[in-house]
Amino acid sequence: MNRRFIAPALAAALLLGAGVPLSAQANAGHDHGHAHAPAAATQADGVVRKVDRQAGRVTIAHGPLPNGMPAMTMVFRPQEAAWLEQLREGDKIRFRAEDRQGVMTLTQFEIVR
């Protein structure tokens, strides 16, 4: 009577155990332990369309951004409020921006003459 239960149990254990090496092999090529280096920050070109000192923001029409964003006109918050005094509508600028907690922030700029 014990043999009737031992044989199926042994067969089930062998079948279940056979999949373990296969699952390990399937994931052998995945290198999850290493983070990729961040892409080097590059500058984008744009034109200042509006400076809203009261609201603390600047509207820039820009070409494609290094993060893959297509050319468009959008609003940025300057990293430094004093930058709003330096920017004028129509200024051509070269700038860097980043998303900081859901707010596109102007982190660096230079006026192109």
PDB file of N, CA and C in Angstrom:
ATOM      1  N   MET A   1       0.819  -1.191   0.000  1.00  0.00           N
ATOM      2  CA  MET A   1       0.000   0.000   0.000  1.00  0.00           C
ATOM      3  C   MET A   1       0.866   1.258   0.000  1.00  0.00           C
ATOM      4  N   ASN A   2       1.966   1.246   0.715  1.00  0.00           N
ATOM      5  CA  ASN A   2       2.853   2.398   0.751  1.00  0.00           C
ATOM      6  C   ASN A   2       3.490   2.667  -0.604  1.00  0.00           C
ATOM      7  N   ARG A   3       3.710   1.606  -1.382  1.00  0.00           N
ATOM      8  CA  ARG A   3       4.331   1.782  -2.694  1.00  0.00           C
ATOM      9  C   ARG A   3       3.416   2.553  -3.640  1.00  0.00           C
ATOM     10  N   ARG A   4       2.115   2.417  -3.472  1.00  0.00           N
ATOM     11  CA  ARG A   4       1.182   3.137  -4.335  1.00  0.00           C
ATOM     12  C   ARG A   4       1.300   4.646  -4.125  1.00  0.00           C
ATOM     13  N   PHE A   5       1.649   5.080  -2.946  1.00  0.00           N
ATOM     14  CA  PHE A   5       1.760   6.510  -2.663  1.00  0.00           C
ATOM     15  C   PHE A   5       3.178   7.038  -2.851  1.00  0.00           C
ATOM     16  N   ILE A   6       4.165   6.191  -2.642  1.00  0.00           N
ATOM     17  CA  ILE A   6       5.558   6.625  -2.743  1.00  0.00           C
ATOM     18  C   ILE A   6       5.943   6.898  -4.190  1.00  0.00           C
ATOM     19  N   ALA A   7       5.565   6.053  -5.101  1.00  0.00           N
ATOM     20  CA  ALA A   7       5.943   6.222  -6.509  1.00  0.00           C
ATOM     21  C   ALA A   7       5.391   7.532  -7.082  1.00  0.00           C
ATOM     22  N   PRO A   8       4.086   7.859  -6.937  1.00  0.00           N
ATOM     23  CA  PRO A   8       3.600   9.143  -7.469  1.00  0.00           C
ATOM     24  C   PRO A   8       4.230  10.349  -6.763  1.00  0.00           C
ATOM     25  N   ALA A   9       4.462  10.247  -5.457  1.00  0.00           N
ATOM     26  CA  ALA A   9       5.075  11.354  -4.727  1.00  0.00           C
ATOM     27  C   ALA A   9       6.501  11.588  -5.207  1.00  0.00           C
ATOM     28  N   LEU A  10       7.234  10.517  -5.434  1.00  0.00           N
ATOM     29  CA  LEU A  10       8.602  10.624  -5.927  1.00  0.00           C
ATOM     30  C   LEU A  10       8.626  11.215  -7.339  1.00  0.00           C
ATOM     31  N   ALA A  11       7.714  10.793  -8.185  1.00  0.00           N
ATOM     32  CA  ALA A  11       7.636  11.317  -9.551  1.00  0.00           C
ATOM     33  C   ALA A  11       7.307  12.813  -9.531  1.00  0.00           C
ATOM     34  N   ALA A  12       6.368  13.216  -8.679  1.00  0.00           N
ATOM     35  CA  ALA A  12       6.002  14.631  -8.578  1.00  0.00           C
ATOM     36  C   ALA A  12       7.181  15.464  -8.090  1.00  0.00           C
ATOM     37  N   ALA A  13       7.912  14.965  -7.104  1.00  0.00           N
ATOM     38  CA  ALA A  13       9.066  15.694  -6.579  1.00  0.00           C
ATOM     39  C   ALA A  13      10.136  15.860  -7.647  1.00  0.00           C
ATOM     40  N   LEU A  14      10.365  14.838  -8.442  1.00  0.00           N
ATOM     41  CA  LEU A  14      11.359  14.923  -9.506  1.00  0.00           C
ATOM     42  C   LEU A  14      10.942  15.924 -10.581  1.00  0.00           C
ATOM     43  N   LEU A  15       9.660  15.918 -10.939  1.00  0.00           N
ATOM     44  CA  LEU A  15       9.175  16.846 -11.957  1.00  0.00           C
ATOM     45  C   LEU A  15       9.240  18.290 -11.472  1.00  0.00           C
ATOM     46  N   LEU A  16       8.862  18.533 -10.234  1.00  0.00           N
ATOM     47  CA  LEU A  16       8.910  19.890  -9.696  1.00  0.00           C
ATOM     48  C   LEU A  16      10.345  20.388  -9.567  1.00  0.00           C
ATOM     49  N   GLY A  17      11.232  19.542  -9.156  1.00  0.00           N
ATOM     50  CA  GLY A  17      12.636  19.919  -8.990  1.00  0.00           C
ATOM     51  C   GLY A  17      13.354  20.138 -10.299  1.00  0.00           C
ATOM     52  N   ALA A  18      12.876  19.542 -11.379  1.00  0.00           N
ATOM     53  CA  ALA A  18      13.543  19.676 -12.679  1.00  0.00           C
ATOM     54  C   ALA A  18      13.437  21.095 -13.223  1.00  0.00           C
ATOM     55  N   GLY A  19      12.414  21.839 -12.839  1.00  0.00           N
ATOM     56  CA  GLY A  19      12.236  23.198 -13.352  1.00  0.00           C
ATOM     57  C   GLY A  19      13.148  24.226 -12.719  1.00  0.00           C
ATOM     58  N   VAL A  20      13.697  23.960 -11.556  1.00  0.00           N
ATOM     59  CA  VAL A  20      14.530  24.940 -10.862  1.00  0.00           C
ATOM     60  C   VAL A  20      15.768  25.316 -11.665  1.00  0.00           C
ATOM     61  N   PRO A  21      16.565  24.363 -12.164  1.00  0.00           N
ATOM     62  CA  PRO A  21      17.737  24.768 -12.952  1.00  0.00           C
ATOM     63  C   PRO A  21      17.350  25.509 -14.230  1.00  0.00           C
ATOM     64  N   LEU A  22      16.212  25.171 -14.824  1.00  0.00           N
ATOM     65  CA  LEU A  22      15.784  25.851 -16.045  1.00  0.00           C
ATOM     66  C   LEU A  22      15.438  27.303 -15.770  1.00  0.00           C
ATOM     67  N   SER A  23      14.763  27.577 -14.649  1.00  0.00           N
ATOM     68  CA  SER A  23      14.414  28.965 -14.346  1.00  0.00           C
ATOM     69  C   SER A  23      15.663  29.779 -14.038  1.00  0.00           C
ATOM     70  N   ALA A  24      16.644  29.196 -13.404  1.00  0.00           N
ATOM     71  CA  ALA A  24      17.897  29.898 -13.125  1.00  0.00           C
ATOM     72  C   ALA A  24      18.636  30.195 -14.424  1.00  0.00           C
ATOM     73  N   GLN A  25      18.600  29.246 -15.342  1.00  0.00           N
ATOM     74  CA  GLN A  25      19.273  29.435 -16.624  1.00  0.00           C
ATOM     75  C   GLN A  25      18.570  30.517 -17.445  1.00  0.00           C
ATOM     76  N   ALA A  26      17.256  30.581 -17.373  1.00  0.00           N
ATOM     77  CA  ALA A  26      16.508  31.565 -18.148  1.00  0.00           C
ATOM     78  C   ALA A  26      16.859  32.987 -17.730  1.00  0.00           C
ATOM     79  N   ASN A  27      17.236  33.200 -16.487  1.00  0.00           N
ATOM     80  CA  ASN A  27      17.565  34.536 -16.001  1.00  0.00           C
ATOM     81  C   ASN A  27      19.064  34.805 -15.935  1.00  0.00           C
ATOM     82  N   ALA A  28      19.861  33.910 -16.446  1.00  0.00           N
ATOM     83  CA  ALA A  28      21.311  34.053 -16.340  1.00  0.00           C
ATOM     84  C   ALA A  28      21.827  35.295 -17.062  1.00  0.00           C
ATOM     85  N   GLY A  29      21.194  35.706 -18.143  1.00  0.00           N
ATOM     86  CA  GLY A  29      21.668  36.849 -18.912  1.00  0.00           C
ATOM     87  C   GLY A  29      21.189  38.191 -18.395  1.00  0.00           C
ATOM     88  N   HIS A  30      20.344  38.201 -17.413  1.00  0.00           N
ATOM     89  CA  HIS A  30      19.815  39.461 -16.889  1.00  0.00           C
ATOM     90  C   HIS A  30      20.768  40.003 -15.840  1.00  0.00           C
ATOM     91  N   ASP A  31      21.281  41.177 -16.085  1.00  0.00           N
ATOM     92  CA  ASP A  31      22.249  41.777 -15.172  1.00  0.00           C
ATOM     93  C   ASP A  31      21.548  42.840 -14.336  1.00  0.00           C
ATOM     94  N   HIS A  32      20.775  42.407 -13.359  1.00  0.00           N
ATOM     95  CA  HIS A  32      19.983  43.330 -12.552  1.00  0.00           C
ATOM     96  C   HIS A  32      20.794  44.044 -11.482  1.00  0.00           C
ATOM     97  N   GLY A  33      21.993  43.635 -11.218  1.00  0.00           N
ATOM     98  CA  GLY A  33      22.737  44.172 -10.099  1.00  0.00           C
ATOM     99  C   GLY A  33      23.502  45.448 -10.382  1.00  0.00           C
ATOM    100  N   HIS A  34      23.517  45.925 -11.619  1.00  0.00           N
ATOM    101  CA  HIS A  34      24.337  47.078 -11.948  1.00  0.00           C
ATOM    102  C   HIS A  34      23.464  48.208 -12.477  1.00  0.00           C
ATOM    103  N   ALA A  35      23.622  49.377 -11.906  1.00  0.00           N
ATOM    104  CA  ALA A  35      22.901  50.553 -12.392  1.00  0.00           C
ATOM    105  C   ALA A  35      23.664  51.133 -13.576  1.00  0.00           C
ATOM    106  N   HIS A  36      22.922  51.706 -14.488  1.00  0.00           N
ATOM    107  CA  HIS A  36      23.550  52.350 -15.634  1.00  0.00           C
ATOM    108  C   HIS A  36      23.972  53.759 -15.246  1.00  0.00           C
ATOM    109  N   ALA A  37      25.064  54.211 -15.791  1.00  0.00           N
ATOM    110  CA  ALA A  37      25.518  55.580 -15.534  1.00  0.00           C
ATOM    111  C   ALA A  37      24.536  56.549 -16.178  1.00  0.00           C
ATOM    112  N   PRO A  38      24.242  57.678 -15.532  1.00  0.00           N
ATOM    113  CA  PRO A  38      23.319  58.640 -16.131  1.00  0.00           C
ATOM    114  C   PRO A  38      23.928  59.251 -17.385  1.00  0.00           C
ATOM    115  N   ALA A  39      23.067  59.598 -18.314  1.00  0.00           N
ATOM    116  CA  ALA A  39      23.537  60.223 -19.543  1.00  0.00           C
ATOM    117  C   ALA A  39      24.119  61.594 -19.210  1.00  0.00           C
ATOM    118  N   ALA A  40      25.141  61.967 -19.936  1.00  0.00           N
ATOM    119  CA  ALA A  40      25.752  63.270 -19.705  1.00  0.00           C
ATOM    120  C   ALA A  40      24.735  64.357 -20.031  1.00  0.00           C
ATOM    121  N   ALA A  41      24.650  65.348 -19.171  1.00  0.00           N
ATOM    122  CA  ALA A  41      23.705  66.440 -19.387  1.00  0.00           C
ATOM    123  C   ALA A  41      24.200  67.279 -20.557  1.00  0.00           C
ATOM    124  N   THR A  42      23.309  67.564 -21.474  1.00  0.00           N
ATOM    125  CA  THR A  42      23.651  68.413 -22.602  1.00  0.00           C
ATOM    126  C   THR A  42      22.677  69.572 -22.636  1.00  0.00           C
ATOM    127  N   GLN A  43      23.062  70.600 -23.320  1.00  0.00           N
ATOM    128  CA  GLN A  43      22.240  71.796 -23.358  1.00  0.00           C
ATOM    129  C   GLN A  43      21.298  71.773 -24.546  1.00  0.00           C
ATOM    130  N   ALA A  44      20.208  72.503 -24.387  1.00  0.00           N
ATOM    131  CA  ALA A  44      19.234  72.669 -25.461  1.00  0.00           C
ATOM    132  C   ALA A  44      19.180  74.151 -25.820  1.00  0.00           C
ATOM    133  N   ASP A  45      18.717  74.431 -27.015  1.00  0.00           N
ATOM    134  CA  ASP A  45      18.561  75.813 -27.459  1.00  0.00           C
ATOM    135  C   ASP A  45      17.100  76.205 -27.393  1.00  0.00           C
ATOM    136  N   GLY A  46      16.855  77.475 -27.061  1.00  0.00           N
ATOM    137  CA  GLY A  46      15.484  77.945 -26.989  1.00  0.00           C
ATOM    138  C   GLY A  46      15.402  79.453 -27.104  1.00  0.00           C
ATOM    139  N   VAL A  47      14.159  79.935 -27.162  1.00  0.00           N
ATOM    140  CA  VAL A  47      13.879  81.369 -27.205  1.00  0.00           C
ATOM    141  C   VAL A  47      12.884  81.677 -26.099  1.00  0.00           C
ATOM    142  N   VAL A  48      13.196  82.695 -25.296  1.00  0.00           N
ATOM    143  CA  VAL A  48      12.303  83.097 -24.210  1.00  0.00           C
ATOM    144  C   VAL A  48      11.077  83.763 -24.823  1.00  0.00           C
ATOM    145  N   ARG A  49       9.908  83.226 -24.539  1.00  0.00           N
ATOM    146  CA  ARG A  49       8.653  83.775 -25.054  1.00  0.00           C
ATOM    147  C   ARG A  49       7.974  84.687 -24.037  1.00  0.00           C
ATOM    148  N   LYS A  50       8.127  84.364 -22.740  1.00  0.00           N
ATOM    149  CA  LYS A  50       7.477  85.164 -21.705  1.00  0.00           C
ATOM    150  C   LYS A  50       8.221  84.985 -20.392  1.00  0.00           C
ATOM    151  N   VAL A  51       8.358  86.079 -19.648  1.00  0.00           N
ATOM    152  CA  VAL A  51       8.925  86.038 -18.303  1.00  0.00           C
ATOM    153  C   VAL A  51       7.839  86.527 -17.358  1.00  0.00           C
ATOM    154  N   ASP A  52       7.375  85.675 -16.481  1.00  0.00           N
ATOM    155  CA  ASP A  52       6.329  86.017 -15.509  1.00  0.00           C
ATOM    156  C   ASP A  52       6.973  86.073 -14.126  1.00  0.00           C
ATOM    157  N   ARG A  53       7.395  87.280 -13.753  1.00  0.00           N
ATOM    158  CA  ARG A  53       8.102  87.439 -12.478  1.00  0.00           C
ATOM    159  C   ARG A  53       7.192  87.198 -11.281  1.00  0.00           C
ATOM    160  N   GLN A  54       5.938  87.588 -11.385  1.00  0.00           N
ATOM    161  CA  GLN A  54       5.005  87.379 -10.267  1.00  0.00           C
ATOM    162  C   GLN A  54       4.780  85.898  -9.991  1.00  0.00           C
ATOM    163  N   ALA A  55       4.592  85.126 -11.048  1.00  0.00           N
ATOM    164  CA  ALA A  55       4.343  83.686 -10.895  1.00  0.00           C
ATOM    165  C   ALA A  55       5.646  82.897 -10.726  1.00  0.00           C
ATOM    166  N   GLY A  56       6.777  83.548 -11.023  1.00  0.00           N
ATOM    167  CA  GLY A  56       8.064  82.874 -10.874  1.00  0.00           C
ATOM    168  C   GLY A  56       8.321  81.820 -11.924  1.00  0.00           C
ATOM    169  N   ARG A  57       8.014  82.155 -13.181  1.00  0.00           N
ATOM    170  CA  ARG A  57       8.234  81.172 -14.242  1.00  0.00           C
ATOM    171  C   ARG A  57       8.584  81.857 -15.562  1.00  0.00           C
ATOM    172  N   VAL A  58       9.162  81.076 -16.438  1.00  0.00           N
ATOM    173  CA  VAL A  58       9.566  81.564 -17.750  1.00  0.00           C
ATOM    174  C   VAL A  58       9.072  80.572 -18.804  1.00  0.00           C
ATOM    175  N   THR A  59       8.548  81.117 -19.902  1.00  0.00           N
ATOM    176  CA  THR A  59       8.075  80.283 -21.005  1.00  0.00           C
ATOM    177  C   THR A  59       9.151  80.281 -22.083  1.00  0.00           C
ATOM    178  N   ILE A  60       9.530  79.080 -22.494  1.00  0.00           N
ATOM    179  CA  ILE A  60      10.609  78.926 -23.477  1.00  0.00           C
ATOM    180  C   ILE A  60      10.130  78.051 -24.629  1.00  0.00           C
ATOM    181  N   ALA A  61      10.338  78.543 -25.854  1.00  0.00           N
ATOM    182  CA  ALA A  61      10.132  77.717 -27.052  1.00  0.00           C
ATOM    183  C   ALA A  61      11.482  77.058 -27.316  1.00  0.00           C
ATOM    184  N   HIS A  62      11.505  75.737 -27.305  1.00  0.00           N
ATOM    185  CA  HIS A  62      12.787  75.037 -27.413  1.00  0.00           C
ATOM    186  C   HIS A  62      12.758  73.965 -28.486  1.00  0.00           C
ATOM    187  N   GLY A  63      13.944  73.599 -28.917  1.00  0.00           N
ATOM    188  CA  GLY A  63      14.105  72.467 -29.818  1.00  0.00           C
ATOM    189  C   GLY A  63      14.010  71.183 -29.018  1.00  0.00           C
ATOM    190  N   PRO A  64      14.298  70.049 -29.635  1.00  0.00           N
ATOM    191  CA  PRO A  64      14.245  68.768 -28.917  1.00  0.00           C
ATOM    192  C   PRO A  64      15.193  68.779 -27.712  1.00  0.00           C
ATOM    193  N   LEU A  65      14.725  68.235 -26.592  1.00  0.00           N
ATOM    194  CA  LEU A  65      15.544  68.169 -25.378  1.00  0.00           C
ATOM    195  C   LEU A  65      16.280  66.834 -25.312  1.00  0.00           C
ATOM    196  N   PRO A  66      17.421  66.808 -24.640  1.00  0.00           N
ATOM    197  CA  PRO A  66      18.217  65.580 -24.542  1.00  0.00           C
ATOM    198  C   PRO A  66      17.467  64.400 -23.921  1.00  0.00           C
ATOM    199  N   ASN A  67      16.423  64.663 -23.127  1.00  0.00           N
ATOM    200  CA  ASN A  67      15.672  63.569 -22.498  1.00  0.00           C
ATOM    201  C   ASN A  67      14.649  62.948 -23.444  1.00  0.00           C
ATOM    202  N   GLY A  68      14.649  63.394 -24.700  1.00  0.00           N
ATOM    203  CA  GLY A  68      13.744  62.816 -25.686  1.00  0.00           C
ATOM    204  C   GLY A  68      12.485  63.633 -25.927  1.00  0.00           C
ATOM    205  N   MET A  69      12.308  64.726 -25.206  1.00  0.00           N
ATOM    206  CA  MET A  69      11.125  65.565 -25.384  1.00  0.00           C
ATOM    207  C   MET A  69      11.230  66.301 -26.718  1.00  0.00           C
ATOM    208  N   PRO A  70      10.166  66.298 -27.510  1.00  0.00           N
ATOM    209  CA  PRO A  70      10.219  66.979 -28.805  1.00  0.00           C
ATOM    210  C   PRO A  70      10.197  68.501 -28.642  1.00  0.00           C
ATOM    211  N   ALA A  71      10.443  69.189 -29.739  1.00  0.00           N
ATOM    212  CA  ALA A  71      10.399  70.649 -29.736  1.00  0.00           C
ATOM    213  C   ALA A  71       8.997  71.120 -29.372  1.00  0.00           C
ATOM    214  N   MET A  72       8.925  72.129 -28.508  1.00  0.00           N
ATOM    215  CA  MET A  72       7.635  72.697 -28.093  1.00  0.00           C
ATOM    216  C   MET A  72       7.883  73.969 -27.298  1.00  0.00           C
ATOM    217  N   THR A  73       6.808  74.621 -26.905  1.00  0.00           N
ATOM    218  CA  THR A  73       6.873  75.773 -26.009  1.00  0.00           C
ATOM    219  C   THR A  73       6.320  75.329 -24.672  1.00  0.00           C
ATOM    220  N   MET A  74       7.085  75.577 -23.598  1.00  0.00           N
ATOM    221  CA  MET A  74       6.636  75.147 -22.274  1.00  0.00           C
ATOM    222  C   MET A  74       7.143  76.073 -21.183  1.00  0.00           C
ATOM    223  N   VAL A  75       6.557  75.915 -20.008  1.00  0.00           N
ATOM    224  CA  VAL A  75       6.867  76.755 -18.855  1.00  0.00           C
ATOM    225  C   VAL A  75       7.884  76.050 -17.962  1.00  0.00           C
ATOM    226  N   PHE A  76       8.861  76.813 -17.494  1.00  0.00           N
ATOM    227  CA  PHE A  76       9.884  76.314 -16.576  1.00  0.00           C
ATOM    228  C   PHE A  76       9.924  77.207 -15.345  1.00  0.00           C
ATOM    229  N   ARG A  77      10.251  76.621 -14.225  1.00  0.00           N
ATOM    230  CA  ARG A  77      10.534  77.383 -13.003  1.00  0.00           C
ATOM    231  C   ARG A  77      12.049  77.527 -12.925  1.00  0.00           C
ATOM    232  N   PRO A  78      12.554  78.743 -12.741  1.00  0.00           N
ATOM    233  CA  PRO A  78      14.003  78.890 -12.625  1.00  0.00           C
ATOM    234  C   PRO A  78      14.497  78.374 -11.275  1.00  0.00           C
ATOM    235  N   GLN A  79      15.672  77.799 -11.279  1.00  0.00           N
ATOM    236  CA  GLN A  79      16.289  77.319 -10.042  1.00  0.00           C
ATOM    237  C   GLN A  79      16.534  78.488  -9.086  1.00  0.00           C
ATOM    238  N   GLU A  80      16.876  79.641  -9.636  1.00  0.00           N
ATOM    239  CA  GLU A  80      17.126  80.852  -8.854  1.00  0.00           C
ATOM    240  C   GLU A  80      16.141  81.932  -9.301  1.00  0.00           C
ATOM    241  N   ALA A  81      15.411  82.520  -8.364  1.00  0.00           N
ATOM    242  CA  ALA A  81      14.423  83.557  -8.696  1.00  0.00           C
ATOM    243  C   ALA A  81      15.078  84.761  -9.372  1.00  0.00           C
ATOM    244  N   ALA A  82      16.315  85.056  -9.021  1.00  0.00           N
ATOM    245  CA  ALA A  82      17.021  86.205  -9.600  1.00  0.00           C
ATOM    246  C   ALA A  82      17.197  86.072 -11.110  1.00  0.00           C
ATOM    247  N   TRP A  83      17.157  84.853 -11.619  1.00  0.00           N
ATOM    248  CA  TRP A  83      17.313  84.655 -13.058  1.00  0.00           C
ATOM    249  C   TRP A  83      16.185  85.317 -13.847  1.00  0.00           C
ATOM    250  N   LEU A  84      15.030  85.467 -13.236  1.00  0.00           N
ATOM    251  CA  LEU A  84      13.905  86.102 -13.925  1.00  0.00           C
ATOM    252  C   LEU A  84      14.214  87.558 -14.273  1.00  0.00           C
ATOM    253  N   GLU A  85      15.104  88.194 -13.512  1.00  0.00           N
ATOM    254  CA  GLU A  85      15.499  89.579 -13.788  1.00  0.00           C
ATOM    255  C   GLU A  85      16.495  89.647 -14.944  1.00  0.00           C
ATOM    256  N   GLN A  86      17.169  88.561 -15.228  1.00  0.00           N
ATOM    257  CA  GLN A  86      18.177  88.537 -16.289  1.00  0.00           C
ATOM    258  C   GLN A  86      17.585  88.189 -17.649  1.00  0.00           C
ATOM    259  N   LEU A  87      16.462  87.496 -17.655  1.00  0.00           N
ATOM    260  CA  LEU A  87      15.860  87.025 -18.907  1.00  0.00           C
ATOM    261  C   LEU A  87      14.863  88.032 -19.451  1.00  0.00           C
ATOM    262  N   ARG A  88      14.848  88.180 -20.764  1.00  0.00           N
ATOM    263  CA  ARG A  88      13.918  89.076 -21.459  1.00  0.00           C
ATOM    264  C   ARG A  88      13.244  88.303 -22.586  1.00  0.00           C
ATOM    265  N   GLU A  89      12.017  88.705 -22.897  1.00  0.00           N
ATOM    266  CA  GLU A  89      11.315  88.089 -24.026  1.00  0.00           C
ATOM    267  C   GLU A  89      12.145  88.286 -25.288  1.00  0.00           C
ATOM    268  N   GLY A  90      12.267  87.214 -26.062  1.00  0.00           N
ATOM    269  CA  GLY A  90      13.036  87.256 -27.297  1.00  0.00           C
ATOM    270  C   GLY A  90      14.484  86.819 -27.143  1.00  0.00           C
ATOM    271  N   ASP A  91      14.975  86.698 -25.899  1.00  0.00           N
ATOM    272  CA  ASP A  91      16.347  86.223 -25.687  1.00  0.00           C
ATOM    273  C   ASP A  91      16.515  84.814 -26.244  1.00  0.00           C
ATOM    274  N   LYS A  92      17.593  84.629 -26.996  1.00  0.00           N
ATOM    275  CA  LYS A  92      17.963  83.275 -27.417  1.00  0.00           C
ATOM    276  C   LYS A  92      18.872  82.729 -26.323  1.00  0.00           C
ATOM    277  N   ILE A  93      18.538  81.525 -25.847  1.00  0.00           N
ATOM    278  CA  ILE A  93      19.310  80.956 -24.746  1.00  0.00           C
ATOM    279  C   ILE A  93      19.718  79.520 -25.041  1.00  0.00           C
ATOM    280  N   ARG A  94      20.763  79.113 -24.388  1.00  0.00           N
ATOM    281  CA  ARG A  94      21.173  77.710 -24.335  1.00  0.00           C
ATOM    282  C   ARG A  94      20.965  77.328 -22.875  1.00  0.00           C
ATOM    283  N   PHE A  95      20.237  76.233 -22.621  1.00  0.00           N
ATOM    284  CA  PHE A  95      19.844  75.945 -21.243  1.00  0.00           C
ATOM    285  C   PHE A  95      19.834  74.459 -20.940  1.00  0.00           C
ATOM    286  N   ARG A  96      19.769  74.184 -19.649  1.00  0.00           N
ATOM    287  CA  ARG A  96      19.553  72.834 -19.133  1.00  0.00           C
ATOM    288  C   ARG A  96      18.349  72.894 -18.214  1.00  0.00           C
ATOM    289  N   ALA A  97      17.573  71.822 -18.218  1.00  0.00           N
ATOM    290  CA  ALA A  97      16.404  71.737 -17.344  1.00  0.00           C
ATOM    291  C   ALA A  97      16.251  70.303 -16.880  1.00  0.00           C
ATOM    292  N   GLU A  98      15.582  70.136 -15.752  1.00  0.00           N
ATOM    293  CA  GLU A  98      15.308  68.794 -15.254  1.00  0.00           C
ATOM    294  C   GLU A  98      13.973  68.783 -14.533  1.00  0.00           C
ATOM    295  N   ASP A  99      13.404  67.611 -14.470  1.00  0.00           N
ATOM    296  CA  ASP A  99      12.136  67.417 -13.776  1.00  0.00           C
ATOM    297  C   ASP A  99      12.439  67.234 -12.295  1.00  0.00           C
ATOM    298  N   ARG A 100      11.965  68.158 -11.491  1.00  0.00           N
ATOM    299  CA  ARG A 100      12.150  68.073 -10.037  1.00  0.00           C
ATOM    300  C   ARG A 100      10.783  67.942  -9.386  1.00  0.00           C
ATOM    301  N   GLN A 101      10.470  66.739  -9.003  1.00  0.00           N
ATOM    302  CA  GLN A 101       9.195  66.418  -8.361  1.00  0.00           C
ATOM    303  C   GLN A 101       8.013  66.912  -9.193  1.00  0.00           C
ATOM    304  N   GLY A 102       8.086  66.660 -10.491  1.00  0.00           N
ATOM    305  CA  GLY A 102       6.986  66.989 -11.386  1.00  0.00           C
ATOM    306  C   GLY A 102       6.993  68.415 -11.908  1.00  0.00           C
ATOM    307  N   VAL A 103       8.011  69.199 -11.573  1.00  0.00           N
ATOM    308  CA  VAL A 103       8.101  70.587 -12.035  1.00  0.00           C
ATOM    309  C   VAL A 103       9.346  70.716 -12.910  1.00  0.00           C
ATOM    310  N   MET A 104       9.143  71.122 -14.159  1.00  0.00           N
ATOM    311  CA  MET A 104      10.293  71.329 -15.041  1.00  0.00           C
ATOM    312  C   MET A 104      11.035  72.575 -14.562  1.00  0.00           C
ATOM    313  N   THR A 105      12.296  72.372 -14.188  1.00  0.00           N
ATOM    314  CA  THR A 105      13.089  73.422 -13.561  1.00  0.00           C
ATOM    315  C   THR A 105      14.275  73.784 -14.442  1.00  0.00           C
ATOM    316  N   LEU A 106      14.425  75.076 -14.690  1.00  0.00           N
ATOM    317  CA  LEU A 106      15.558  75.608 -15.429  1.00  0.00           C
ATOM    318  C   LEU A 106      16.754  75.584 -14.483  1.00  0.00           C
ATOM    319  N   THR A 107      17.760  74.760 -14.784  1.00  0.00           N
ATOM    320  CA  THR A 107      18.885  74.585 -13.868  1.00  0.00           C
ATOM    321  C   THR A 107      20.139  75.335 -14.303  1.00  0.00           C
ATOM    322  N   GLN A 108      20.179  75.757 -15.549  1.00  0.00           N
ATOM    323  CA  GLN A 108      21.341  76.492 -16.050  1.00  0.00           C
ATOM    324  C   GLN A 108      20.937  77.151 -17.357  1.00  0.00           C
ATOM    325  N   PHE A 109      21.484  78.335 -17.618  1.00  0.00           N
ATOM    326  CA  PHE A 109      21.225  78.965 -18.911  1.00  0.00           C
ATOM    327  C   PHE A 109      22.332  79.955 -19.225  1.00  0.00           C
ATOM    328  N   GLU A 110      22.444  80.251 -20.507  1.00  0.00           N
ATOM    329  CA  GLU A 110      23.307  81.333 -20.968  1.00  0.00           C
ATOM    330  C   GLU A 110      22.604  82.001 -22.135  1.00  0.00           C
ATOM    331  N   ILE A 111      22.674  83.312 -22.157  1.00  0.00           N
ATOM    332  CA  ILE A 111      22.070  84.065 -23.249  1.00  0.00           C
ATOM    333  C   ILE A 111      23.043  84.033 -24.421  1.00  0.00           C
ATOM    334  N   VAL A 112      22.531  83.679 -25.590  1.00  0.00           N
ATOM    335  CA  VAL A 112      23.347  83.566 -26.800  1.00  0.00           C
ATOM    336  C   VAL A 112      23.208  84.863 -27.575  1.00  0.00           C
ATOM    337  N   ARG A 113      24.321  85.511 -27.805  1.00  0.00           N
ATOM    338  CA  ARG A 113      24.303  86.801 -28.521  1.00  0.00           C
ATOM    339  C   ARG A 113      24.675  86.607 -29.968  1.00  0.00           C
TER     340      ARG A 113
END
